[in-house]
Protein backbone atom coordinates (compact mmCIF):
# COMPACT_ATOMS: atom_id res chain seq x y z
CA UNK A 1 0.00 0.00 0.00
CA UNK A 2 2.78 2.36 0.97
CA UNK A 3 4.79 1.42 -2.14
CA UNK A 4 1.78 2.19 -4.37
CA UNK A 5 1.37 5.62 -2.83
CA UNK A 6 5.04 6.38 -3.36
CA UNK A 7 4.81 5.30 -7.00
CA UNK A 8 1.81 7.58 -7.59
CA UNK A 9 3.65 10.42 -5.93
CA UNK A 10 6.72 9.80 -8.08
CA UNK A 11 4.60 9.70 -11.23
CA UNK A 12 2.93 13.02 -10.34
CA UNK A 13 6.27 14.61 -9.48
CA UNK A 14 8.22 13.40 -12.50
CA UNK A 15 5.65 13.02 -15.22
CA UNK A 16 2.79 15.49 -14.55
CA UNK A 17 4.71 18.33 -12.91
CA UNK A 18 7.71 17.67 -15.11
CA UNK A 19 5.56 18.02 -18.21
CA UNK A 20 4.01 21.27 -16.92
CA UNK A 21 7.44 22.65 -16.08
CA UNK A 22 8.79 21.76 -19.50
CA UNK A 23 5.82 23.51 -21.11
CA UNK A 24 6.30 26.62 -18.96
CA UNK A 25 10.02 26.67 -19.82
CA UNK A 26 9.30 26.80 -23.54
CA UNK A 27 10.15 30.08 -25.20
CA UNK A 28 13.09 32.11 -26.44
CA UNK A 29 16.48 31.27 -24.94
CA UNK A 30 19.29 33.58 -26.02
CA UNK A 31 22.84 33.35 -24.73
CA UNK A 32 24.31 31.32 -21.90
CA UNK A 33 25.35 31.83 -18.30
CA UNK A 34 24.60 35.05 -16.41
CA UNK A 35 23.91 36.99 -19.61
CA UNK A 36 21.33 34.51 -20.88
CA UNK A 37 17.86 35.80 -21.74
CA UNK A 38 15.02 33.35 -21.20
CA UNK A 39 11.62 34.64 -22.25
CA UNK A 40 9.39 31.69 -21.45
CA UNK A 41 5.72 30.85 -21.54
CA UNK A 42 5.75 30.78 -17.72
CA UNK A 43 6.90 34.41 -17.49
CA UNK A 44 4.34 35.54 -20.08
CA UNK A 45 1.63 33.63 -18.24
CA UNK A 46 2.70 35.25 -14.95
CA UNK A 47 2.64 38.68 -16.61
CA UNK A 48 -0.88 38.03 -17.94
CA UNK A 49 -2.14 36.88 -14.55
CA UNK A 50 -0.58 39.92 -12.87
CA UNK A 51 -2.27 42.31 -15.31
CA UNK A 52 -5.66 40.61 -14.96
CA UNK A 53 -5.48 40.53 -11.15
CA UNK A 54 -4.35 44.17 -11.05
CA UNK A 55 -7.23 45.19 -13.31
CA UNK A 56 -9.83 43.53 -11.12
CA UNK A 57 -8.18 44.75 -7.90
CA UNK A 58 -8.11 48.37 -9.07
CA UNK A 59 -11.71 48.06 -10.29
CA UNK A 60 -12.71 46.79 -6.83
CA UNK A 61 -10.79 49.58 -5.08
CA UNK A 62 -12.38 52.16 -7.38
CA UNK A 63 -15.85 50.80 -6.60
CA UNK A 64 -15.18 51.03 -2.84
CA UNK A 65 -13.57 54.46 -3.09
CA UNK A 66 -16.39 55.99 -5.15
CA UNK A 67 -19.40 54.06 -3.85
CA UNK A 68 -20.87 57.08 -2.02
CA UNK A 69 -20.25 59.53 -4.85
CA UNK A 70 -22.67 60.68 -7.49
CA UNK A 71 -22.31 59.27 -11.00
CA UNK A 72 -20.84 62.53 -12.28
CA UNK A 73 -18.11 62.49 -9.61
CA UNK A 74 -17.34 58.82 -10.27
CA UNK A 75 -16.59 59.55 -13.91
CA UNK A 76 -14.03 62.18 -12.91
CA UNK A 77 -11.84 59.51 -11.34
CA UNK A 78 -11.61 57.40 -14.50
CA UNK A 79 -8.47 59.21 -15.70
CA UNK A 80 -6.77 58.74 -12.31
CA UNK A 81 -7.34 55.00 -12.27
CA UNK A 82 -6.29 54.71 -15.92
CA UNK A 83 -3.00 56.37 -15.02
CA UNK A 84 -2.55 53.90 -12.13
CA UNK A 85 -3.29 51.05 -14.55
CA UNK A 86 -0.54 52.17 -16.90
CA UNK A 87 1.99 52.57 -14.07
CA UNK A 88 1.24 49.07 -12.72
CA UNK A 89 1.43 47.56 -16.22
CA UNK A 90 4.80 49.23 -16.80
CA UNK A 91 6.15 47.89 -13.51
CA UNK A 92 4.88 44.39 -14.31
CA UNK A 93 6.57 44.43 -17.74
CA UNK A 94 9.88 45.61 -16.26
CA UNK A 95 9.79 42.93 -13.55
CA UNK A 96 9.06 40.27 -16.19
CA UNK A 97 11.97 41.41 -18.36
CA UNK A 98 14.24 41.41 -15.32
CA UNK A 99 13.16 37.87 -14.43
CA UNK A 100 13.87 36.84 -18.03
CA UNK A 101 17.44 38.02 -17.67
CA UNK A 102 17.21 41.36 -19.49
CA UNK A 103 19.34 44.07 -17.89
CA UNK A 104 16.82 46.84 -17.18
CA UNK A 105 19.24 49.09 -15.24
CA UNK A 106 19.62 51.43 -18.20
CA UNK A 107 15.85 51.50 -18.74
CA UNK A 108 15.19 52.28 -15.06
CA UNK A 109 17.85 55.02 -15.04
CA UNK A 110 16.42 56.61 -18.17
CA UNK A 111 12.86 56.27 -16.84
CA UNK A 112 13.84 57.84 -13.52
CA UNK A 113 15.39 60.83 -15.28
CA UNK A 114 12.33 61.09 -17.53
CA UNK A 115 9.90 60.93 -14.59
CA UNK A 116 11.90 63.55 -12.66
CA UNK A 117 11.74 65.87 -15.66
CA UNK A 118 8.04 65.23 -16.15
CA UNK A 119 7.40 65.68 -12.44
CA UNK A 120 9.02 69.12 -12.48
CA UNK A 121 7.27 70.10 -15.70
CA UNK A 122 3.87 68.81 -14.59
CA UNK A 123 4.09 69.85 -10.94
CA UNK A 124 1.19 72.29 -11.23
CA UNK A 125 -0.89 69.67 -13.06
CA UNK A 126 -0.38 67.13 -10.28
CA UNK A 127 -1.27 69.77 -7.68
CA UNK A 128 -4.46 70.58 -9.58
CA UNK A 129 -5.46 66.90 -9.81
CA UNK A 130 -4.72 66.39 -6.10
CA UNK A 131 -6.83 69.45 -5.30
CA UNK A 132 -9.65 68.09 -7.46
CA UNK A 133 -9.56 64.78 -5.60
CA UNK A 134 -9.77 66.57 -2.23
CA UNK A 135 -12.68 68.72 -3.43
CA UNK A 136 -14.68 65.73 -4.67
CA UNK A 137 -13.94 63.54 -1.64
CA UNK A 138 -14.51 66.02 1.21
CA UNK A 139 -17.28 68.00 -0.57
CA UNK A 140 -15.64 71.31 0.33
CA UNK A 141 -17.00 72.76 -2.92
CA UNK A 142 -20.18 71.93 -4.80
CA UNK A 143 -21.95 73.05 -7.94
CA UNK A 144 -24.02 76.15 -7.13
CA UNK A 145 -21.64 77.51 -4.46
CA UNK A 146 -20.73 81.19 -4.68
CA UNK A 147 -16.99 81.64 -4.13
CA UNK A 148 -14.51 84.48 -4.08
CA UNK A 149 -10.96 83.79 -5.30
CA UNK A 150 -8.35 86.51 -5.80
CA UNK A 151 -11.05 89.16 -5.49
CA UNK A 152 -13.25 87.58 -8.18
CA UNK A 153 -16.73 86.29 -7.31
CA UNK A 154 -18.36 83.48 -9.27
CA UNK A 155 -21.03 80.78 -9.04
CA UNK A 156 -19.60 77.29 -9.58
CA UNK A 157 -21.27 75.39 -12.43
CA UNK A 158 -18.72 72.63 -13.14
CA UNK A 159 -16.09 70.81 -11.08
CA UNK A 160 -13.53 68.76 -13.00
CA UNK A 161 -10.52 66.85 -11.79
CA UNK A 162 -8.09 69.60 -12.85
CA UNK A 163 -10.13 72.79 -12.94
CA UNK A 164 -13.28 74.32 -11.52
CA UNK A 165 -15.44 76.62 -13.63
CA UNK A 166 -17.60 79.43 -12.34
CA UNK A 167 -19.73 82.14 -13.95
CA UNK A 168 -19.00 85.67 -12.78
CA UNK A 169 -21.54 88.39 -12.10
CA UNK A 170 -20.85 89.88 -15.52
CA UNK A 171 -21.47 86.52 -17.27
CA UNK A 172 -17.82 85.63 -17.87
CA UNK A 173 -16.45 82.15 -17.29
CA UNK A 174 -13.85 81.95 -14.54
CA UNK A 175 -11.54 78.91 -14.86
CA UNK A 176 -9.88 78.14 -11.52
CA UNK A 177 -7.02 75.62 -11.12
CA UNK A 178 -8.02 73.27 -8.30
CA UNK A 179 -4.77 73.77 -6.39
CA UNK A 180 -6.04 77.24 -5.42
CA UNK A 181 -8.67 75.62 -3.22
CA UNK A 182 -6.01 73.88 -1.11
CA UNK A 183 -3.24 76.50 -1.13
CA UNK A 184 -4.99 79.90 -1.31
CA UNK A 185 -7.58 81.63 0.83
CA UNK A 186 -11.00 81.02 -0.74
CA UNK A 187 -14.27 82.52 0.51
CA UNK A 188 -17.25 80.21 0.03
CA UNK A 189 -20.30 82.40 0.59
CA UNK A 190 -22.80 79.54 0.57
CA UNK A 191 -21.04 76.46 1.97
CA UNK A 192 -22.87 76.47 5.32
CA UNK A 193 -26.23 77.58 3.92
CA UNK A 194 -27.68 79.63 1.08
CA UNK A 195 -28.62 82.57 3.28
CA UNK A 196 -26.05 85.33 3.66
CA UNK A 197 -26.07 88.65 5.50
CA UNK A 198 -25.34 91.78 3.49
CA UNK A 199 -25.42 95.51 4.20
CA UNK A 200 -25.86 98.91 2.58
CA UNK A 201 -24.17 101.87 4.23
CA UNK A 202 -25.10 105.53 3.90
CA UNK A 203 -24.05 108.79 5.50
CA UNK A 204 -26.48 111.57 6.53
CA UNK A 205 -25.79 115.12 7.54
CA UNK A 206 -25.14 116.03 11.15
CA UNK A 207 -28.36 117.24 12.76
CA UNK A 208 -30.55 114.77 10.82
CA UNK A 209 -33.39 112.95 12.60
CA UNK A 210 -31.68 109.60 13.33
CA UNK A 211 -34.99 107.89 14.18
CA UNK A 212 -36.42 108.95 10.82
CA UNK A 213 -33.30 107.69 9.04
CA UNK A 214 -33.64 104.34 10.83
CA UNK A 215 -37.32 104.06 9.86
CA UNK A 216 -36.59 104.85 6.20
CA UNK A 217 -33.83 102.26 5.97
CA UNK A 218 -36.04 99.58 7.55
CA UNK A 219 -38.93 100.39 5.18
CA UNK A 220 -36.65 100.12 2.13
CA UNK A 221 -35.38 96.73 3.30
CA UNK A 222 -38.90 95.42 3.96
CA UNK A 223 -40.12 96.44 0.50
CA UNK A 224 -37.18 94.88 -1.36
CA UNK A 225 -38.26 91.56 -2.93
CA UNK A 226 -34.99 89.65 -2.57
CA UNK A 227 -34.63 90.56 1.13
CA UNK A 228 -35.84 87.92 3.58
CA UNK A 229 -38.47 88.85 6.14
CA UNK A 230 -36.98 86.39 8.61
CA UNK A 231 -34.36 86.98 9.95
CA UNK A 232 -35.47 90.59 10.10
CA UNK A 233 -33.38 93.40 8.58
CA UNK A 234 -31.91 95.74 11.18
CA UNK A 235 -30.17 99.12 11.27
CA UNK A 236 -26.93 100.01 13.05
CA UNK A 237 -25.66 103.50 13.75
CA UNK A 238 -22.11 102.69 12.69
CA UNK A 239 -20.06 105.79 13.44
CA UNK A 240 -19.64 109.53 13.61
CA UNK A 241 -17.82 110.25 10.39
CA UNK A 242 -15.78 113.29 9.45
CA UNK A 243 -18.65 114.80 7.48
CA UNK A 244 -21.64 112.51 8.15
CA UNK A 245 -23.43 110.17 10.52
CA UNK A 246 -22.85 106.66 9.19
CA UNK A 247 -25.78 104.19 9.17
CA UNK A 248 -25.97 100.64 7.78
CA UNK A 249 -29.01 98.55 6.97
CA UNK A 250 -28.24 94.83 7.41
CA UNK A 251 -30.40 92.30 5.61
CA UNK A 252 -30.46 88.60 4.70
CA UNK A 253 -30.87 87.14 1.22
CA UNK A 254 -30.87 83.79 -0.56
CA UNK A 255 -29.53 85.36 -3.75
CA UNK A 256 -26.04 86.43 -2.77
CA UNK A 257 -24.86 86.08 -6.38
CA UNK A 258 -27.13 89.00 -7.38
CA UNK A 259 -26.08 90.94 -4.31
CA UNK A 260 -24.75 94.04 -6.21
CA UNK A 261 -28.07 94.48 -8.06
CA UNK A 262 -30.06 94.16 -4.84
CA UNK A 263 -27.89 96.78 -3.15
CA UNK A 264 -28.15 99.08 -6.16
CA UNK A 265 -31.97 98.92 -6.13
CA UNK A 266 -31.98 99.64 -2.39
CA UNK A 267 -29.70 102.67 -2.85
CA UNK A 268 -32.09 104.08 -5.48
CA UNK A 269 -34.98 103.71 -3.03
CA UNK A 270 -33.01 105.17 -0.11
CA UNK A 271 -32.02 108.20 -2.18
CA UNK A 272 -35.65 108.78 -3.24
CA UNK A 273 -36.96 108.40 0.34
CA UNK A 274 -34.34 110.78 1.70
CA UNK A 275 -35.38 113.42 -0.85
CA UNK A 276 -39.05 113.00 0.12
CA UNK A 277 -38.22 113.46 3.82
CA UNK A 278 -35.58 116.20 3.38
CA UNK A 279 -32.75 114.02 4.68
CA UNK A 280 -29.52 115.16 3.07
CA UNK A 281 -26.52 113.03 2.16
CA UNK A 282 -23.53 115.30 2.67
CA UNK A 283 -20.29 115.40 0.74
CA UNK A 284 -16.92 115.71 2.49
CA UNK A 285 -16.31 119.23 3.81
CA UNK A 286 -13.12 120.90 4.94
CA UNK A 287 -12.55 124.22 6.67
CA UNK A 288 -9.78 126.27 5.10
CA UNK A 289 -8.13 128.99 7.19
CA UNK A 290 -6.18 131.62 5.26
CA UNK A 291 -3.55 133.33 7.34
CA UNK A 292 -2.48 136.71 6.07
CA UNK A 293 1.23 137.34 6.36
CA UNK A 294 2.18 140.12 8.76
CA UNK A 295 3.20 143.35 7.09
């Protein structure tokens, strides 16, 4: 019984496995000794398995990474995972060539120099892509947000992996590199909520009826369509200016993107109301003293 088992084992070892090994060793054999190059079926089969496994593994990781994202955001990551695919495939090919006996030192050295050069040349591009990934993952910016970057205000209408596009208040497209959102100071007017507080300031002449001024400003705010009734607008007596008493009407709106037009309409109404009630808006005044030279 024991002898039969040993014979079966010997047959499997020598015949079956030996046949498989011989098949896997088939291929191109160039040279002898340490400089021999052996490109066999086994290495090609290993390369194929590596590529297939890598493809399914990256697909699985992509599905996990983007499972909570919207379909539009998922599509933005396709280029990133394609780039990872190519890098993994390149590494797999180099490892296979090395295992076959090909000296890849020169290739690695040239590739390293090439990648260093590309890295320096494409540094801004990589920063933009990294910024785009952060924006999509942490939801720090969304379509419809009103942002201010470098003194320019725009409403975001498209977020890509490299750039973000916004429409300005004068209907111009503002293209923002995504690295600005991780390296520069960016004001997002509507990230917390769509309601923002704005103000219109005005100066009235000294001696004016401050209660009347307050009433006029409140009436103008209450009659303005884009101004919310709750929270209520309110007036602050800001300061005693050089030539005027400074008042500000604070109000809340859901249309911060049209904020300049709202303020302009309110200023028209304030000016008309002041004229009706004889409230004057002074201009800067200076007293000039002329000293006559002594004779």
